[in-house]
Amino acid sequence: MARQMTGPASSSDPQDAATSGQSSGGDHQLILAIVQDEDAGPVIEALTRDGFRATRINTVGGFLRKGNATILVGVERERLHRALLIVRDNCETRTEYFVPTAPGEVGEPYPLDPIQVQVGGATVFVLDCERFERL
């Protein structure tokens, strides 16, 4: 038996999508939240405690070259605000010192004076989903 897919060529019957764990375009959004490593655990725990499903991908930032996490969350449009509040409430802003390096005389880097930088919080992208499936 072929599995029904949603999207432009799928059935327009909402009951079909509801019973198959699928949703047609427009009712779901994808949150991409980039958070510091220290905040990723609490964010994931709070999201799952509130009934959201989330996926964590470990990543590294380009400027500070420190670990962070990209958290993916598919949400129904009406629950988007709640998910964003959870991310905001579980991400702290911190002040850290970063020691930039400059090339030395023989190509070896040498440290410069530390600079104070603001880190933490979250960078969040919200994307419309054309299709959503839970298999």
N, C-alpha and C. Protein backbone atom coordinates (compact mmCIF):
# COMPACT_ATOMS: atom_id res chain seq x y z
N MET A 1 0.85 -1.18 0.00
CA MET A 1 0.00 0.00 0.00
C MET A 1 0.89 1.23 0.00
N ALA A 2 0.60 2.19 -0.86
CA ALA A 2 1.40 3.41 -0.96
C ALA A 2 1.03 4.36 0.17
N ARG A 3 2.04 5.01 0.71
CA ARG A 3 1.81 5.98 1.77
C ARG A 3 1.41 7.31 1.16
N GLN A 4 0.40 7.94 1.73
CA GLN A 4 -0.06 9.22 1.21
C GLN A 4 0.91 10.31 1.64
N MET A 5 1.26 11.17 0.71
CA MET A 5 2.14 12.29 0.98
C MET A 5 1.32 13.56 0.99
N THR A 6 1.81 14.57 1.70
CA THR A 6 1.12 15.85 1.70
C THR A 6 1.88 16.83 0.84
N GLY A 7 1.28 17.93 0.54
CA GLY A 7 1.92 18.94 -0.31
C GLY A 7 1.03 19.23 -1.49
N PRO A 8 1.54 19.87 -2.51
CA PRO A 8 0.73 20.32 -3.64
C PRO A 8 -0.03 19.22 -4.35
N ALA A 9 0.55 18.00 -4.46
CA ALA A 9 -0.12 16.96 -5.23
C ALA A 9 -0.91 15.99 -4.36
N SER A 10 -1.09 16.29 -3.08
CA SER A 10 -1.74 15.35 -2.18
C SER A 10 -3.24 15.61 -2.09
N SER A 11 -3.89 14.72 -1.37
CA SER A 11 -5.32 14.84 -1.15
C SER A 11 -5.63 16.11 -0.37
N SER A 12 -6.75 16.70 -0.61
CA SER A 12 -7.12 17.92 0.11
C SER A 12 -8.00 17.60 1.32
N ASP A 13 -8.23 16.32 1.59
CA ASP A 13 -9.06 15.92 2.72
C ASP A 13 -8.25 16.02 4.01
N PRO A 14 -8.61 16.97 4.94
CA PRO A 14 -7.85 17.13 6.17
C PRO A 14 -7.87 15.88 7.04
N GLN A 15 -8.93 15.06 6.93
CA GLN A 15 -9.01 13.83 7.73
C GLN A 15 -7.91 12.87 7.33
N ASP A 16 -7.59 12.77 6.03
CA ASP A 16 -6.50 11.90 5.58
C ASP A 16 -5.19 12.29 6.24
N ALA A 17 -4.88 13.58 6.26
CA ALA A 17 -3.62 14.04 6.85
C ALA A 17 -3.61 13.80 8.35
N ALA A 18 -4.74 14.03 9.03
CA ALA A 18 -4.79 13.86 10.48
C ALA A 18 -4.58 12.42 10.89
N THR A 19 -5.12 11.47 10.14
CA THR A 19 -4.99 10.07 10.53
C THR A 19 -3.66 9.47 10.13
N SER A 20 -2.93 10.09 9.23
CA SER A 20 -1.66 9.52 8.79
C SER A 20 -0.46 10.18 9.44
N GLY A 21 -0.65 11.13 10.37
CA GLY A 21 0.46 11.79 11.03
C GLY A 21 1.13 12.83 10.16
N GLN A 22 0.40 13.30 9.15
CA GLN A 22 0.96 14.27 8.23
C GLN A 22 0.11 15.53 8.27
N SER A 23 0.68 16.59 7.78
CA SER A 23 -0.04 17.85 7.75
C SER A 23 0.24 18.55 6.44
N SER A 24 -0.79 19.21 5.92
CA SER A 24 -0.58 19.95 4.68
C SER A 24 0.17 21.24 4.99
N GLY A 25 0.69 21.87 3.95
CA GLY A 25 1.49 23.07 4.11
C GLY A 25 0.72 24.18 4.81
N GLY A 26 1.45 25.04 5.49
CA GLY A 26 0.83 26.21 6.08
C GLY A 26 0.54 26.09 7.56
N ASP A 27 0.34 24.87 8.11
CA ASP A 27 0.01 24.81 9.52
C ASP A 27 1.22 24.55 10.41
N HIS A 28 2.39 24.32 9.85
CA HIS A 28 3.58 24.03 10.64
C HIS A 28 4.71 24.98 10.28
N GLN A 29 5.57 25.18 11.26
CA GLN A 29 6.75 26.00 11.07
C GLN A 29 7.94 25.21 11.60
N LEU A 30 9.12 25.54 11.10
CA LEU A 30 10.34 24.92 11.57
C LEU A 30 11.17 25.99 12.27
N ILE A 31 11.49 25.74 13.53
CA ILE A 31 12.36 26.63 14.29
C ILE A 31 13.78 26.09 14.21
N LEU A 32 14.72 26.95 13.82
CA LEU A 32 16.14 26.65 13.88
C LEU A 32 16.71 27.60 14.92
N ALA A 33 17.09 27.07 16.07
CA ALA A 33 17.62 27.90 17.16
C ALA A 33 19.09 27.54 17.38
N ILE A 34 19.96 28.51 17.25
CA ILE A 34 21.38 28.31 17.50
C ILE A 34 21.66 28.84 18.89
N VAL A 35 22.06 27.95 19.79
CA VAL A 35 22.27 28.30 21.20
C VAL A 35 23.65 27.84 21.64
N GLN A 36 24.12 28.39 22.77
CA GLN A 36 25.40 27.96 23.32
C GLN A 36 25.26 26.54 23.86
N ASP A 37 26.37 25.81 23.83
CA ASP A 37 26.40 24.44 24.34
C ASP A 37 25.80 24.33 25.73
N GLU A 38 26.15 25.27 26.61
CA GLU A 38 25.67 25.23 28.00
C GLU A 38 24.16 25.35 28.10
N ASP A 39 23.53 25.99 27.12
CA ASP A 39 22.08 26.20 27.15
C ASP A 39 21.30 25.11 26.43
N ALA A 40 21.96 24.33 25.60
CA ALA A 40 21.25 23.36 24.75
C ALA A 40 20.49 22.33 25.58
N GLY A 41 21.11 21.77 26.60
CA GLY A 41 20.44 20.77 27.44
C GLY A 41 19.17 21.30 28.08
N PRO A 42 19.24 22.44 28.79
CA PRO A 42 18.02 22.99 29.38
C PRO A 42 16.94 23.33 28.36
N VAL A 43 17.34 23.81 27.18
CA VAL A 43 16.34 24.14 26.14
C VAL A 43 15.63 22.87 25.69
N ILE A 44 16.40 21.82 25.38
CA ILE A 44 15.81 20.55 24.93
C ILE A 44 14.89 19.96 26.01
N GLU A 45 15.35 19.97 27.26
CA GLU A 45 14.53 19.43 28.36
C GLU A 45 13.22 20.19 28.51
N ALA A 46 13.28 21.53 28.46
CA ALA A 46 12.06 22.33 28.60
C ALA A 46 11.11 22.13 27.43
N LEU A 47 11.66 22.04 26.22
CA LEU A 47 10.80 21.80 25.05
C LEU A 47 10.10 20.44 25.14
N THR A 48 10.84 19.39 25.47
CA THR A 48 10.23 18.06 25.53
C THR A 48 9.24 17.97 26.69
N ARG A 49 9.54 18.65 27.79
CA ARG A 49 8.61 18.65 28.94
C ARG A 49 7.28 19.29 28.54
N ASP A 50 7.32 20.23 27.59
CA ASP A 50 6.10 20.90 27.15
C ASP A 50 5.47 20.22 25.93
N GLY A 51 5.98 19.04 25.55
CA GLY A 51 5.36 18.27 24.48
C GLY A 51 5.93 18.50 23.09
N PHE A 52 6.99 19.28 22.97
CA PHE A 52 7.62 19.50 21.66
C PHE A 52 8.65 18.41 21.41
N ARG A 53 8.85 18.08 20.15
CA ARG A 53 9.93 17.18 19.75
C ARG A 53 11.03 18.03 19.16
N ALA A 54 12.27 17.77 19.58
CA ALA A 54 13.37 18.60 19.15
C ALA A 54 14.57 17.72 18.78
N THR A 55 15.36 18.22 17.84
CA THR A 55 16.59 17.55 17.42
C THR A 55 17.74 18.50 17.63
N ARG A 56 18.81 17.99 18.25
CA ARG A 56 20.01 18.80 18.51
C ARG A 56 21.12 18.38 17.55
N ILE A 57 21.75 19.36 16.92
CA ILE A 57 22.91 19.13 16.07
C ILE A 57 24.05 19.95 16.67
N ASN A 58 25.13 19.29 17.06
CA ASN A 58 26.28 20.01 17.62
C ASN A 58 27.02 20.73 16.50
N THR A 59 27.28 22.03 16.71
CA THR A 59 27.93 22.85 15.71
C THR A 59 29.00 23.70 16.40
N VAL A 60 29.80 24.40 15.60
CA VAL A 60 30.84 25.28 16.13
C VAL A 60 30.69 26.63 15.46
N GLY A 61 30.72 27.69 16.26
CA GLY A 61 30.62 29.04 15.73
C GLY A 61 31.91 29.47 15.05
N GLY A 62 31.81 30.37 14.10
CA GLY A 62 32.97 30.80 13.34
C GLY A 62 33.83 31.84 14.05
N PHE A 63 33.24 32.76 14.80
CA PHE A 63 34.01 33.83 15.40
C PHE A 63 34.79 33.36 16.63
N LEU A 64 34.09 32.81 17.61
CA LEU A 64 34.75 32.37 18.84
C LEU A 64 35.28 30.95 18.74
N ARG A 65 34.86 30.23 17.73
CA ARG A 65 35.26 28.84 17.52
C ARG A 65 34.92 27.97 18.73
N LYS A 66 33.78 28.25 19.34
CA LYS A 66 33.33 27.49 20.51
C LYS A 66 32.11 26.66 20.12
N GLY A 67 31.90 25.63 20.91
CA GLY A 67 30.77 24.75 20.66
C GLY A 67 29.44 25.44 20.89
N ASN A 68 28.51 25.13 20.02
CA ASN A 68 27.13 25.54 20.22
C ASN A 68 26.27 24.43 19.67
N ALA A 69 24.98 24.62 19.69
CA ALA A 69 24.06 23.61 19.19
C ALA A 69 23.00 24.28 18.34
N THR A 70 22.63 23.60 17.27
CA THR A 70 21.50 24.04 16.46
C THR A 70 20.35 23.11 16.80
N ILE A 71 19.27 23.66 17.28
CA ILE A 71 18.11 22.89 17.70
C ILE A 71 17.01 23.08 16.66
N LEU A 72 16.50 21.96 16.15
CA LEU A 72 15.42 21.97 15.17
C LEU A 72 14.13 21.55 15.85
N VAL A 73 13.07 22.34 15.67
CA VAL A 73 11.78 22.02 16.26
C VAL A 73 10.69 22.28 15.24
N GLY A 74 9.92 21.26 14.90
CA GLY A 74 8.75 21.43 14.05
C GLY A 74 7.56 21.71 14.94
N VAL A 75 6.86 22.82 14.71
CA VAL A 75 5.75 23.20 15.59
C VAL A 75 4.52 23.56 14.77
N GLU A 76 3.36 23.34 15.38
CA GLU A 76 2.13 23.83 14.80
C GLU A 76 2.13 25.34 14.94
N ARG A 77 1.58 26.03 13.99
CA ARG A 77 1.60 27.50 13.98
C ARG A 77 1.05 28.08 15.29
N GLU A 78 0.02 27.48 15.84
CA GLU A 78 -0.57 28.03 17.07
C GLU A 78 0.30 27.82 18.30
N ARG A 79 1.31 26.94 18.23
CA ARG A 79 2.22 26.70 19.37
C ARG A 79 3.58 27.36 19.18
N LEU A 80 3.76 28.09 18.09
CA LEU A 80 5.04 28.73 17.79
C LEU A 80 5.48 29.67 18.91
N HIS A 81 4.60 30.54 19.35
CA HIS A 81 4.95 31.52 20.38
C HIS A 81 5.42 30.83 21.66
N ARG A 82 4.75 29.76 22.06
CA ARG A 82 5.14 29.03 23.28
C ARG A 82 6.54 28.45 23.13
N ALA A 83 6.84 27.85 21.98
CA ALA A 83 8.17 27.26 21.77
C ALA A 83 9.25 28.34 21.80
N LEU A 84 8.99 29.49 21.20
CA LEU A 84 9.96 30.58 21.21
C LEU A 84 10.20 31.11 22.62
N LEU A 85 9.16 31.18 23.42
CA LEU A 85 9.32 31.61 24.82
C LEU A 85 10.20 30.63 25.59
N ILE A 86 10.02 29.35 25.34
CA ILE A 86 10.85 28.34 26.02
C ILE A 86 12.32 28.52 25.65
N VAL A 87 12.59 28.73 24.38
CA VAL A 87 13.98 28.95 23.95
C VAL A 87 14.53 30.20 24.63
N ARG A 88 13.78 31.29 24.59
CA ARG A 88 14.24 32.55 25.19
C ARG A 88 14.49 32.40 26.69
N ASP A 89 13.59 31.73 27.39
CA ASP A 89 13.70 31.61 28.85
C ASP A 89 14.85 30.71 29.29
N ASN A 90 15.37 29.88 28.40
CA ASN A 90 16.42 28.93 28.78
C ASN A 90 17.78 29.25 28.19
N CYS A 91 17.93 30.41 27.57
CA CYS A 91 19.21 30.82 27.00
C CYS A 91 19.70 32.06 27.72
N GLU A 92 20.87 31.95 28.35
CA GLU A 92 21.45 33.07 29.09
C GLU A 92 22.44 33.84 28.23
N THR A 93 22.48 35.14 28.44
CA THR A 93 23.50 35.97 27.81
C THR A 93 24.65 36.09 28.81
N ARG A 94 25.87 35.92 28.33
CA ARG A 94 27.05 35.94 29.19
C ARG A 94 28.10 36.89 28.62
N THR A 95 29.00 37.33 29.49
CA THR A 95 30.15 38.11 29.04
C THR A 95 31.38 37.22 29.18
N GLU A 96 32.14 37.11 28.10
CA GLU A 96 33.36 36.31 28.12
C GLU A 96 34.48 37.13 27.52
N TYR A 97 35.68 36.64 27.72
CA TYR A 97 36.85 37.29 27.14
C TYR A 97 37.40 36.40 26.04
N PHE A 98 37.68 37.01 24.91
CA PHE A 98 38.18 36.31 23.74
C PHE A 98 39.57 36.87 23.42
N VAL A 99 40.53 35.96 23.23
CA VAL A 99 41.89 36.38 22.91
C VAL A 99 42.12 36.16 21.41
N PRO A 100 42.08 37.24 20.63
CA PRO A 100 42.34 37.07 19.19
C PRO A 100 43.83 36.81 18.96
N THR A 101 44.13 36.25 17.84
CA THR A 101 45.53 36.01 17.50
C THR A 101 45.86 36.71 16.19
N ALA A 102 47.12 37.07 16.05
CA ALA A 102 47.61 37.69 14.81
C ALA A 102 48.84 36.91 14.37
N PRO A 103 49.12 36.87 13.09
CA PRO A 103 50.29 36.11 12.64
C PRO A 103 51.59 36.73 13.16
N GLY A 104 52.51 35.87 13.60
CA GLY A 104 53.81 36.32 14.07
C GLY A 104 54.78 36.47 12.91
N GLU A 105 56.02 36.72 13.25
CA GLU A 105 57.04 36.96 12.22
C GLU A 105 57.28 35.75 11.33
N VAL A 106 57.24 34.55 11.90
CA VAL A 106 57.52 33.35 11.12
C VAL A 106 56.26 32.54 10.86
N GLY A 107 55.12 33.23 10.84
CA GLY A 107 53.87 32.54 10.57
C GLY A 107 53.20 31.94 11.79
N GLU A 108 53.84 32.06 12.96
CA GLU A 108 53.25 31.56 14.19
C GLU A 108 52.33 32.62 14.77
N PRO A 109 51.12 32.24 15.20
CA PRO A 109 50.25 33.25 15.79
C PRO A 109 50.74 33.64 17.18
N TYR A 110 50.54 34.88 17.54
CA TYR A 110 50.82 35.30 18.91
C TYR A 110 49.58 35.99 19.44
N PRO A 111 49.30 35.84 20.75
CA PRO A 111 48.06 36.39 21.30
C PRO A 111 48.10 37.91 21.42
N LEU A 112 46.96 38.51 21.18
CA LEU A 112 46.77 39.94 21.39
C LEU A 112 46.06 40.13 22.73
N ASP A 113 45.77 41.35 23.09
CA ASP A 113 45.05 41.61 24.33
C ASP A 113 43.64 41.04 24.25
N PRO A 114 43.15 40.47 25.37
CA PRO A 114 41.78 39.92 25.36
C PRO A 114 40.75 41.03 25.13
N ILE A 115 39.67 40.65 24.45
CA ILE A 115 38.56 41.58 24.27
C ILE A 115 37.31 40.98 24.89
N GLN A 116 36.48 41.84 25.43
CA GLN A 116 35.24 41.41 26.07
C GLN A 116 34.16 41.25 25.00
N VAL A 117 33.48 40.11 25.01
CA VAL A 117 32.41 39.87 24.04
C VAL A 117 31.16 39.37 24.75
N GLN A 118 30.02 39.70 24.20
CA GLN A 118 28.74 39.24 24.71
C GLN A 118 28.39 37.95 23.97
N VAL A 119 28.14 36.86 24.69
CA VAL A 119 27.79 35.59 24.07
C VAL A 119 26.50 35.07 24.69
N GLY A 120 25.94 34.07 24.06
CA GLY A 120 24.73 33.46 24.61
C GLY A 120 23.49 34.00 23.95
N GLY A 121 22.39 33.78 24.63
CA GLY A 121 21.12 34.08 24.01
C GLY A 121 20.87 33.04 22.92
N ALA A 122 20.15 33.40 21.92
CA ALA A 122 19.87 32.47 20.83
C ALA A 122 19.70 33.25 19.54
N THR A 123 20.14 32.65 18.46
CA THR A 123 19.83 33.16 17.13
C THR A 123 18.78 32.22 16.57
N VAL A 124 17.62 32.75 16.25
CA VAL A 124 16.48 31.91 15.89
C VAL A 124 15.96 32.27 14.50
N PHE A 125 15.75 31.23 13.70
CA PHE A 125 15.12 31.37 12.39
C PHE A 125 13.81 30.60 12.44
N VAL A 126 12.76 31.16 11.90
CA VAL A 126 11.47 30.48 11.82
C VAL A 126 11.11 30.39 10.34
N LEU A 127 10.93 29.14 9.87
CA LEU A 127 10.67 28.89 8.46
C LEU A 127 9.29 28.25 8.28
N ASP A 128 8.60 28.64 7.22
CA ASP A 128 7.34 27.98 6.89
C ASP A 128 7.65 26.58 6.35
N CYS A 129 6.84 25.61 6.70
CA CYS A 129 7.02 24.24 6.19
C CYS A 129 6.01 24.00 5.08
N GLU A 130 6.50 23.55 3.96
CA GLU A 130 5.61 23.18 2.86
C GLU A 130 4.94 21.85 3.16
N ARG A 131 5.68 20.99 3.85
CA ARG A 131 5.15 19.66 4.17
C ARG A 131 5.74 19.21 5.49
N PHE A 132 4.94 18.49 6.28
CA PHE A 132 5.38 17.96 7.56
C PHE A 132 4.89 16.53 7.69
N GLU A 133 5.78 15.61 8.05
CA GLU A 133 5.42 14.21 8.25
C GLU A 133 6.04 13.71 9.53
N ARG A 134 5.32 12.92 10.26
CA ARG A 134 5.87 12.23 11.42
C ARG A 134 5.73 10.75 11.12
N LEU A 135 6.84 10.08 10.91
CA LEU A 135 6.82 8.68 10.49
C LEU A 135 6.96 7.73 11.66
